Amino acid sequence: MWEFLGYAALVASLLAINMTRMKSFRWLHLLASGLYLAYGISLNAMPIMVGATLFMGLHLFHLGRIYRPILRERSRSKYNPS
């Protein structure tokens, strides 16, 4: 059962690397990192848990940078209808 998480994370990572759009890459690799984190927890493997957590943090940071202008524009148009 736990090996399945590791293989699923590997497949998600390989798919993410082949993405051409950065947003798709970030979301898919975030999913892969979450799977790696669960796999690391199941094995009680601290290096896997630390690495997956760092990757998740980096992807969340960059996704925030991608979505921040979009959310800012939506909030402006919501309060200032033209």
Foldseek 3Di string as FASTA:
>chain_A
DLVVLVVVLVVLQVVLVPDPDPLSSLVSNLVSLVSQLVSCVVVVPVVSNVVSVVSNVVSVVVVCVVCVVVVVVVVVCVVVPD
